[in-house]
Amino acid sequence: MSREGKRKFEVVVVGGGPAGMAAALYAAKNGAHVAIVDDNSALGGQIWRGETAHSASEAASWLHRLLALGVDLISGARVVDFAASNVLVAETARGCCEIEYRNLVLATGARERFLPFPGWTLPNVFGAGALQALVKSGVPVGGKRVVVAGSGPLLLAVASYLRKHGAKIEILCEQASAASLAKFAVRLAAHPGKAAEALSLRKALKGIRLAWRSWPVMAEGEGVLQSVVISRRGKHVRVPCDYLACGFHLVPNTELAALLGCRVENGRVEVDEFQRTSVANTFAAGETTGIGGAELALVEGQIAGLAAAGAEQDANSLARVRRKLRTFQDALERAFRLRPELKAIASPGTIVCRCEDVTYEQLKPHGSARAAKLETRCGMGPCQARVCGAATEFLFGWKPDSVRPPIFPTILENLAAFEEEKGDAEPSAVMRGPS
């Protein structure tokens, strides 16, 4: 398999969700030659998955404007490393390629946080967003009994979506308290759009049991999920079901930023007023800088795209809007902060690292992610700690380990062909390995 040739752009945006699409559009509007690199076949990210195909959707509107401005879409491409300063290495179905840029915008989004509990590895236990994505891709849920549990606004959106597609939502469990959610609802008054969205979701969920201060403590079944045991205000309740959609809010995807040397603090990429990171010519926008929803992601993307194209004065005009939307981000963080009781839902034999089958009991004696990795291989599987890393950070207080290339599983044949065609050039970090 041969590698693709190097492609050069003034601005490269990694990630095709709302932040990435906004960054690309506004950089292109200011005359830059722009490309979006995304690992999916279509743009939209998780939040707009599939919506770019519908002409009436907001996502489709953004896509049409991108195409009209001639933005290059490099779809099905996953950035795995960097070859040199201002050069990324991406893997596609045809092999590895180099993508050179003058300015880079990281819009890598976020993923669900999973917390381990007995039975969470049973078939038909899914992340909330993952089950929604499966249904969007055609998996039928009509007539299926579903428990939706965890934390964060995503649960409401998922429950509403599944119900519209015929699922029977048995119960929706939120680990946050009623008091926390009431305070959050009050803060929504400052964000009319968000308040209207929340009311719409609440109306769509009419008749569904909503349980606050509740979370799953065990998934049960012989070879496949059959029921979930819920801790509900201190009492355990067994709920028969066909699917469990479970996720404890979201975690920013910071791996590529960390690999490039960007400063990451408190689990998010640090940026300045123009969305610049600590690395020259590198910007970040959207949920990689903190969980704040699509509206904030769009505004941050616009600012990053404008700044990357040299239009800082125009970017500065959006500062007030961003500041207001970040108050919603702060409210989200406070309202859905995880309860300490959740640290006790894993039993000694509960698998924490699914890739390497490492249990809670095996991890508990260790004092850091690195020590656990050396002794148990926790975090060394295909997901590269994307699942167990966030869980162990919450359970044990471990800080994320260092990021090494490739940051995603990569076909060795592609890497070998890439290095062979480079000839005598300096080997990339992914082939050199750690120093």
Protein backbone atom coordinates (compact mmCIF):
# COMPACT_ATOMS: atom_id res chain seq x y z
CA MET A 1 0.00 0.00 0.00
CA SER A 2 1.63 3.24 -1.10
CA ARG A 3 1.40 6.47 0.78
CA GLU A 4 -0.40 9.49 -0.59
CA GLY A 5 1.55 12.58 -1.56
CA LYS A 6 1.95 15.57 0.70
CA ARG A 7 -0.87 18.11 0.60
CA LYS A 8 -0.33 21.75 1.58
CA PHE A 9 -2.84 24.25 2.96
CA GLU A 10 -2.78 27.61 4.67
CA VAL A 11 -5.21 26.46 7.36
CA VAL A 12 -5.89 22.85 8.34
CA VAL A 13 -8.77 22.05 10.68
CA VAL A 14 -8.75 18.68 12.44
CA GLY A 15 -12.32 17.68 13.28
CA GLY A 16 -15.53 18.12 11.34
CA GLY A 17 -18.06 18.90 14.07
CA PRO A 18 -19.64 22.33 14.66
CA ALA A 19 -16.38 23.96 15.85
CA GLY A 20 -14.37 22.56 12.96
CA MET A 21 -16.93 23.50 10.33
CA ALA A 22 -17.18 27.04 11.70
CA ALA A 23 -13.40 27.44 11.83
CA ALA A 24 -12.98 26.23 8.26
CA LEU A 25 -15.79 28.42 6.93
CA TYR A 26 -14.57 31.63 8.54
CA ALA A 27 -10.93 31.02 7.58
CA ALA A 28 -12.01 30.39 3.97
CA LYS A 29 -14.25 33.50 3.96
CA ASN A 30 -11.11 35.48 4.68
CA GLY A 31 -9.25 34.08 1.70
CA ALA A 32 -7.33 31.17 3.22
CA HIS A 33 -6.85 27.85 1.41
CA VAL A 34 -8.50 25.52 3.94
CA ALA A 35 -8.90 21.81 4.53
CA ILE A 36 -10.94 19.89 7.09
CA VAL A 37 -9.51 16.53 8.14
CA ASP A 38 -12.06 14.20 9.74
CA ASP A 39 -12.08 10.48 10.43
CA ASN A 40 -15.74 10.06 9.48
CA SER A 41 -17.11 9.74 5.96
CA ALA A 42 -19.29 12.84 6.44
CA LEU A 43 -18.99 16.03 8.47
CA GLY A 44 -21.14 16.91 11.46
CA GLY A 45 -19.42 15.21 14.37
CA GLN A 46 -21.44 13.34 16.97
CA ILE A 47 -23.91 16.16 17.55
CA TRP A 48 -24.78 16.64 13.85
CA ARG A 49 -24.18 13.04 12.73
CA GLY A 50 -26.25 12.43 9.60
CA GLU A 51 -27.79 15.91 9.57
CA THR A 52 -25.52 17.26 6.80
CA ALA A 53 -27.56 15.12 4.40
CA HIS A 54 -30.77 17.02 5.20
CA SER A 55 -31.14 20.29 3.32
CA ALA A 56 -33.30 21.86 6.04
CA SER A 57 -30.87 21.25 8.91
CA GLU A 58 -28.42 23.73 10.41
CA ALA A 59 -25.59 21.28 9.73
CA ALA A 60 -26.48 21.12 6.03
CA SER A 61 -26.42 24.92 5.85
CA TRP A 62 -22.87 25.02 7.21
CA LEU A 63 -21.77 22.26 4.81
CA HIS A 64 -23.25 23.99 1.76
CA ARG A 65 -21.42 27.22 2.61
CA LEU A 66 -18.15 25.30 3.10
CA LEU A 67 -18.46 23.64 -0.29
CA ALA A 68 -19.35 26.94 -1.95
CA LEU A 69 -16.09 28.44 -0.67
CA GLY A 70 -14.03 25.53 -1.97
CA VAL A 71 -12.93 24.11 1.39
CA ASP A 72 -11.17 20.76 0.87
CA LEU A 73 -12.81 17.89 2.76
CA ILE A 74 -10.36 15.13 3.64
CA SER A 75 -12.80 12.55 4.98
CA GLY A 76 -12.01 9.14 6.42
CA ALA A 77 -8.59 10.43 7.52
CA ARG A 78 -7.33 9.95 11.06
CA VAL A 79 -4.38 12.04 12.28
CA VAL A 80 -1.99 9.67 14.06
CA ASP A 81 1.29 11.62 14.36
CA PHE A 82 3.27 14.61 13.12
CA ALA A 83 6.21 14.20 10.73
CA ALA A 84 7.84 17.59 11.32
CA SER A 85 6.97 21.10 12.36
CA ASN A 86 3.66 22.07 10.70
CA VAL A 87 3.22 18.62 9.08
CA LEU A 88 0.67 16.08 10.26
CA VAL A 89 0.61 12.37 9.44
CA ALA A 90 -2.87 11.02 8.66
CA GLU A 91 -4.00 7.51 7.82
CA THR A 92 -6.65 6.96 5.16
CA ALA A 93 -8.01 3.87 3.42
CA ARG A 94 -5.20 4.29 0.86
CA GLY A 95 -2.34 4.58 3.33
CA CYS A 96 -0.56 7.35 5.25
CA CYS A 97 -0.17 10.88 3.95
CA GLU A 98 1.38 14.15 5.06
CA ILE A 99 -0.71 17.28 5.47
CA GLU A 100 1.26 20.52 5.73
CA TYR A 101 -0.22 23.69 7.17
CA ARG A 102 0.68 27.26 8.02
CA ASN A 103 -1.91 27.41 10.80
CA LEU A 104 -3.69 24.52 12.51
CA VAL A 105 -7.07 24.46 14.27
CA LEU A 106 -7.76 21.55 16.61
CA ALA A 107 -11.49 20.85 16.85
CA THR A 108 -11.28 17.26 18.04
CA GLY A 109 -14.40 17.37 20.19
CA ALA A 110 -15.15 15.17 23.16
CA ARG A 111 -16.10 11.63 24.07
CA GLU A 112 -18.31 10.06 26.71
CA ARG A 113 -16.96 9.27 30.15
CA PHE A 114 -17.62 5.71 31.27
CA LEU A 115 -17.42 4.58 34.87
CA PRO A 116 -17.03 0.83 35.51
CA PHE A 117 -19.57 -1.14 37.50
CA PRO A 118 -20.32 -4.88 37.63
CA GLY A 119 -21.76 -6.00 34.29
CA TRP A 120 -20.88 -2.89 32.29
CA THR A 121 -19.08 -5.04 29.70
CA LEU A 122 -22.21 -7.13 28.94
CA PRO A 123 -23.53 -7.03 25.36
CA ASN A 124 -26.22 -4.35 24.90
CA VAL A 125 -24.65 -2.02 27.46
CA PHE A 126 -23.70 1.04 25.41
CA GLY A 127 -22.56 4.58 25.88
CA ALA A 128 -25.59 6.88 25.62
CA GLY A 129 -24.18 8.67 22.58
CA ALA A 130 -22.98 5.39 21.10
CA LEU A 131 -26.47 3.87 21.14
CA GLN A 132 -27.86 7.04 19.58
CA ALA A 133 -25.21 6.83 16.84
CA LEU A 134 -26.11 3.20 16.16
CA VAL A 135 -29.77 4.10 15.80
CA LYS A 136 -28.83 6.96 13.46
CA SER A 137 -26.96 4.41 11.33
CA GLY A 138 -30.02 2.18 11.09
CA VAL A 139 -30.06 -0.14 14.12
CA PRO A 140 -33.75 -0.63 15.06
CA VAL A 141 -34.91 -0.01 18.64
CA GLY A 142 -38.66 -0.10 18.10
CA GLY A 143 -40.34 -1.82 21.04
CA LYS A 144 -37.05 -2.25 22.93
CA ARG A 145 -36.92 -1.45 26.65
CA VAL A 146 -34.12 1.04 27.34
CA VAL A 147 -32.65 2.41 30.57
CA VAL A 148 -30.82 5.73 30.08
CA ALA A 149 -28.44 6.57 32.94
CA GLY A 150 -25.41 8.60 33.94
CA SER A 151 -25.05 12.38 33.89
CA GLY A 152 -25.34 15.42 31.67
CA PRO A 153 -27.75 16.97 29.14
CA LEU A 154 -26.82 14.33 26.56
CA LEU A 155 -29.00 11.85 28.45
CA LEU A 156 -32.14 13.89 27.75
CA ALA A 157 -31.32 14.25 24.07
CA VAL A 158 -30.58 10.53 23.72
CA ALA A 159 -33.74 9.48 25.57
CA SER A 160 -35.84 11.78 23.38
CA TYR A 161 -34.21 10.49 20.18
CA LEU A 162 -34.62 6.84 21.12
CA ARG A 163 -38.25 7.40 22.09
CA LYS A 164 -38.98 9.02 18.72
CA HIS A 165 -37.60 5.87 17.10
CA GLY A 166 -39.94 3.59 19.00
CA ALA A 167 -37.93 2.64 22.07
CA LYS A 168 -39.66 2.33 25.43
CA ILE A 169 -37.64 4.36 27.94
CA GLU A 170 -38.08 2.51 31.23
CA ILE A 171 -36.34 5.13 33.37
CA LEU A 172 -33.93 8.02 32.96
CA CYS A 173 -31.40 8.22 35.81
CA GLU A 174 -29.31 11.34 36.54
CA GLN A 175 -26.63 11.18 39.24
CA ALA A 176 -26.89 14.90 40.01
CA SER A 177 -29.23 16.03 42.76
CA ALA A 178 -32.56 17.80 42.22
CA ALA A 179 -31.10 20.90 43.92
CA SER A 180 -28.15 21.05 41.51
CA LEU A 181 -30.44 20.68 38.54
CA ALA A 182 -32.82 23.33 39.86
CA LYS A 183 -29.93 25.82 40.11
CA PHE A 184 -28.88 24.86 36.59
CA ALA A 185 -32.43 25.49 35.34
CA VAL A 186 -32.38 28.97 36.90
CA ARG A 187 -29.10 29.78 35.10
CA LEU A 188 -30.69 28.72 31.79
CA ALA A 189 -32.84 31.87 31.98
CA ALA A 190 -29.80 33.80 30.75
CA HIS A 191 -29.67 31.55 27.67
CA PRO A 192 -33.12 31.62 26.02
CA GLY A 193 -32.12 29.22 23.26
CA LYS A 194 -30.88 26.63 25.75
CA ALA A 195 -33.95 27.10 27.93
CA ALA A 196 -36.26 26.55 24.97
CA GLU A 197 -34.31 23.44 24.01
CA ALA A 198 -34.56 22.08 27.56
CA LEU A 199 -38.32 22.70 27.65
CA SER A 200 -38.73 20.97 24.31
CA LEU A 201 -36.82 17.92 25.55
CA ARG A 202 -38.81 17.86 28.78
CA LYS A 203 -42.03 17.89 26.77
CA ALA A 204 -40.73 15.09 24.53
CA LEU A 205 -39.99 13.00 27.64
CA LYS A 206 -43.42 13.46 29.22
CA GLY A 207 -44.51 10.27 30.96
CA ILE A 208 -40.99 8.89 31.37
CA ARG A 209 -39.75 8.24 34.89
CA LEU A 210 -37.00 10.77 35.69
CA ALA A 211 -34.90 9.77 38.69
CA TRP A 212 -32.46 12.29 40.22
CA ARG A 213 -29.59 11.21 42.48
CA SER A 214 -29.72 7.82 40.77
CA TRP A 215 -27.17 5.69 38.93
CA PRO A 216 -26.55 2.10 37.78
CA VAL A 217 -24.72 -0.19 40.22
CA MET A 218 -25.01 -3.47 38.31
CA ALA A 219 -25.98 -4.76 34.86
CA GLU A 220 -27.34 -8.29 34.92
CA GLY A 221 -27.87 -11.00 32.32
CA GLU A 222 -26.85 -14.43 31.08
CA GLY A 223 -24.59 -13.61 28.14
CA VAL A 224 -26.58 -10.48 27.30
CA LEU A 225 -28.13 -7.60 29.25
CA GLN A 226 -31.47 -8.46 30.89
CA SER A 227 -31.81 -5.94 33.73
CA VAL A 228 -30.10 -3.06 35.50
CA VAL A 229 -29.91 -2.48 39.24
CA ILE A 230 -30.31 1.23 39.98
CA SER A 231 -29.31 3.03 43.17
CA ARG A 232 -32.18 5.50 43.60
CA ARG A 233 -31.87 7.87 46.53
CA GLY A 234 -30.15 5.20 48.60
CA LYS A 235 -32.36 2.25 47.62
CA HIS A 236 -31.67 -0.41 44.99
CA VAL A 237 -34.26 -0.99 42.28
CA ARG A 238 -34.06 -3.68 39.56
CA VAL A 239 -35.30 -2.58 36.12
CA PRO A 240 -35.72 -5.18 33.32
CA CYS A 241 -34.44 -3.87 29.98
CA ASP A 242 -33.03 -4.75 26.57
CA TYR A 243 -30.49 -1.89 26.37
CA LEU A 244 -28.63 0.30 28.82
CA ALA A 245 -27.48 3.67 27.44
CA CYS A 246 -25.00 4.97 30.00
CA GLY A 247 -22.54 7.86 30.05
CA PHE A 248 -21.25 10.20 32.76
CA HIS A 249 -21.02 13.49 30.87
CA LEU A 250 -18.20 14.19 28.39
CA VAL A 251 -14.40 14.32 28.32
CA PRO A 252 -12.46 16.62 25.91
CA ASN A 253 -10.30 14.87 23.33
CA THR A 254 -6.86 16.34 24.02
CA GLU A 255 -4.52 13.61 22.76
CA LEU A 256 -3.45 15.30 19.51
CA ALA A 257 -3.01 18.63 21.27
CA ALA A 258 -0.84 17.00 23.93
CA LEU A 259 1.24 15.20 21.28
CA LEU A 260 1.91 18.55 19.56
CA GLY A 261 3.01 20.05 22.89
CA CYS A 262 -0.03 22.22 23.64
CA ARG A 263 -0.61 22.98 27.31
CA VAL A 264 -3.44 20.88 28.73
CA GLU A 265 -4.79 21.76 32.18
CA ASN A 266 -7.77 20.32 34.06
CA GLY A 267 -8.49 18.00 31.18
CA ARG A 268 -8.85 20.71 28.52
CA VAL A 269 -6.60 22.51 26.05
CA GLU A 270 -5.70 25.99 27.27
CA VAL A 271 -6.33 28.85 24.82
CA ASP A 272 -6.13 32.65 24.81
CA GLU A 273 -8.69 35.19 23.62
CA PHE A 274 -8.06 34.23 19.98
CA GLN A 275 -8.28 30.48 20.70
CA ARG A 276 -4.49 30.20 20.34
CA THR A 277 -2.83 27.36 22.22
CA SER A 278 0.62 27.47 23.79
CA VAL A 279 2.12 26.18 20.52
CA ALA A 280 2.81 28.66 17.73
CA ASN A 281 0.39 28.61 14.76
CA THR A 282 -1.92 26.20 16.59
CA PHE A 283 -5.46 27.04 17.68
CA ALA A 284 -8.14 24.99 19.44
CA ALA A 285 -11.91 25.36 19.52
CA GLY A 286 -15.00 23.55 20.70
CA GLU A 287 -15.20 20.87 23.32
CA THR A 288 -11.49 20.08 23.27
CA THR A 289 -11.22 23.36 25.24
CA GLY A 290 -14.10 22.46 27.59
CA ILE A 291 -17.63 21.08 27.39
CA GLY A 292 -20.01 23.89 26.46
CA GLY A 293 -22.41 22.72 23.76
CA ALA A 294 -22.83 23.41 20.05
CA GLU A 295 -23.47 27.17 20.30
CA LEU A 296 -20.20 27.82 22.12
CA ALA A 297 -18.37 25.44 19.79
CA LEU A 298 -19.60 27.39 16.76
CA VAL A 299 -18.51 30.74 18.20
CA GLU A 300 -15.10 29.42 19.28
CA GLY A 301 -14.68 27.87 15.84
CA GLN A 302 -15.45 31.18 14.16
CA ILE A 303 -12.92 32.98 16.35
CA ALA A 304 -10.24 30.37 15.71
CA GLY A 305 -10.87 30.40 11.95
CA LEU A 306 -10.75 34.19 11.76
CA ALA A 307 -7.58 34.38 13.84
CA ALA A 308 -5.92 31.62 11.82
CA ALA A 309 -6.68 33.61 8.65
CA GLY A 310 -5.24 36.79 10.14
CA ALA A 311 -8.58 38.55 10.77
CA GLU A 312 -8.05 39.15 14.49
CA GLN A 313 -10.14 42.32 14.57
CA ASP A 314 -13.19 40.39 13.33
CA ALA A 315 -12.41 37.59 15.77
CA ASN A 316 -12.30 40.06 18.64
CA SER A 317 -15.85 41.21 17.83
CA LEU A 318 -17.16 37.78 18.92
CA ALA A 319 -15.56 37.93 22.37
CA ARG A 320 -18.70 39.14 24.14
CA VAL A 321 -20.86 36.34 22.71
CA ARG A 322 -18.25 33.76 23.70
CA ARG A 323 -18.03 35.20 27.21
CA LYS A 324 -21.79 34.86 27.69
CA LEU A 325 -21.84 31.28 26.37
CA ARG A 326 -18.99 30.33 28.66
CA THR A 327 -21.21 31.11 31.64
CA PHE A 328 -23.35 28.21 30.41
CA GLN A 329 -20.20 26.08 30.24
CA ASP A 330 -19.43 26.91 33.87
CA ALA A 331 -23.01 26.11 34.89
CA LEU A 332 -22.79 22.73 33.15
CA GLU A 333 -19.61 21.87 35.01
CA ARG A 334 -21.08 22.75 38.39
CA ALA A 335 -24.45 21.07 37.86
CA PHE A 336 -23.12 17.75 36.63
CA ARG A 337 -20.02 17.34 38.78
CA LEU A 338 -19.72 13.65 39.62
CA ARG A 339 -20.73 12.53 43.09
CA PRO A 340 -18.08 10.86 45.29
CA GLU A 341 -20.46 7.91 45.83
CA LEU A 342 -19.79 6.86 42.23
CA LYS A 343 -16.26 5.87 43.20
CA ALA A 344 -17.74 2.91 45.07
CA ILE A 345 -19.79 1.31 42.27
CA ALA A 346 -16.92 -0.83 40.98
CA SER A 347 -16.39 -4.12 42.81
CA PRO A 348 -12.89 -5.66 43.22
CA GLY A 349 -13.45 -7.92 40.21
CA THR A 350 -14.95 -5.24 37.95
CA ILE A 351 -12.97 -4.79 34.74
CA VAL A 352 -11.77 -1.19 34.40
CA CYS A 353 -9.50 -1.50 31.34
CA ARG A 354 -11.54 -3.49 28.83
CA CYS A 355 -8.76 -3.69 26.25
CA GLU A 356 -6.40 -5.51 28.62
CA ASP A 357 -8.94 -7.05 31.06
CA VAL A 358 -7.52 -5.23 34.08
CA THR A 359 -9.71 -5.18 37.18
CA TYR A 360 -10.30 -2.57 39.87
CA GLU A 361 -8.56 -4.83 42.40
CA GLN A 362 -5.41 -4.98 40.22
CA LEU A 363 -5.30 -1.20 39.86
CA LYS A 364 -6.08 -0.06 43.40
CA PRO A 365 -2.57 -0.65 44.88
CA HIS A 366 -0.89 1.65 42.34
CA GLY A 367 -0.23 5.34 42.87
CA SER A 368 -0.21 6.58 39.28
CA ALA A 369 -1.33 5.77 35.76
CA ARG A 370 2.27 5.08 34.77
CA ALA A 371 2.84 2.62 37.62
CA ALA A 372 -0.39 0.82 36.77
CA LYS A 373 0.56 0.69 33.09
CA LEU A 374 3.95 -0.84 33.84
CA GLU A 375 2.49 -3.54 36.08
CA THR A 376 -0.86 -4.30 34.45
CA ARG A 377 -0.81 -2.84 30.88
CA CYS A 378 -3.80 -0.68 31.81
CA GLY A 379 -4.28 1.87 29.03
CA MET A 380 -2.03 0.09 26.52
CA GLY A 381 -4.79 -1.47 24.41
CA PRO A 382 -6.33 -0.24 21.14
CA CYS A 383 -8.30 2.60 22.77
CA GLN A 384 -5.07 4.03 24.23
CA ALA A 385 -6.75 4.81 27.59
CA ARG A 386 -9.58 6.79 26.03
CA VAL A 387 -12.02 4.74 28.12
CA CYS A 388 -10.12 3.68 31.22
CA GLY A 389 -8.06 6.88 31.46
CA ALA A 390 -11.01 9.10 32.38
CA ALA A 391 -12.34 6.40 34.70
CA THR A 392 -9.09 5.96 36.63
CA GLU A 393 -8.63 9.72 36.86
CA PHE A 394 -11.99 9.91 38.66
CA LEU A 395 -11.62 6.69 40.70
CA PHE A 396 -8.02 7.13 41.85
CA GLY A 397 -7.12 10.74 41.08
CA TRP A 398 -4.46 9.70 38.57
CA LYS A 399 -3.26 12.30 36.10
CA PRO A 400 -3.22 11.28 32.40
CA ASP A 401 -0.05 9.58 31.25
CA SER A 402 2.13 11.00 28.46
CA VAL A 403 0.84 10.72 24.88
CA ARG A 404 2.92 8.79 22.37
CA PRO A 405 2.33 8.22 18.66
CA PRO A 406 0.44 6.75 16.98
CA ILE A 407 -2.46 8.22 18.93
CA PHE A 408 -4.88 5.84 17.20
CA PRO A 409 -4.40 2.18 16.19
CA THR A 410 -2.64 2.23 12.82
CA ILE A 411 -1.97 -0.46 10.22
CA LEU A 412 1.73 -1.33 10.31
CA GLU A 413 1.79 -1.83 6.54
CA ASN A 414 0.74 1.78 6.10
CA LEU A 415 3.44 3.06 8.44
CA ALA A 416 6.10 0.92 6.76
CA ALA A 417 5.11 2.10 3.28
CA PHE A 418 5.07 5.70 4.50
CA GLU A 419 8.62 5.44 5.88
CA GLU A 420 9.90 3.56 2.83
CA GLU A 421 8.73 6.22 0.41
CA LYS A 422 10.26 8.92 2.58
CA GLY A 423 13.60 7.26 1.89
CA ASP A 424 16.51 8.59 3.91
CA ALA A 425 14.52 11.34 5.58
CA GLU A 426 14.44 11.55 9.35
CA PRO A 427 12.07 8.83 10.67
CA SER A 428 8.83 10.09 12.14
CA ALA A 429 8.22 9.87 15.87
CA VAL A 430 5.81 6.99 15.39
CA MET A 431 8.59 4.85 13.87
CA ARG A 432 11.32 6.01 16.23
CA GLY A 433 9.32 5.15 19.32
CA PRO A 434 9.86 6.74 22.73
CA SER A 435 13.30 8.09 23.51
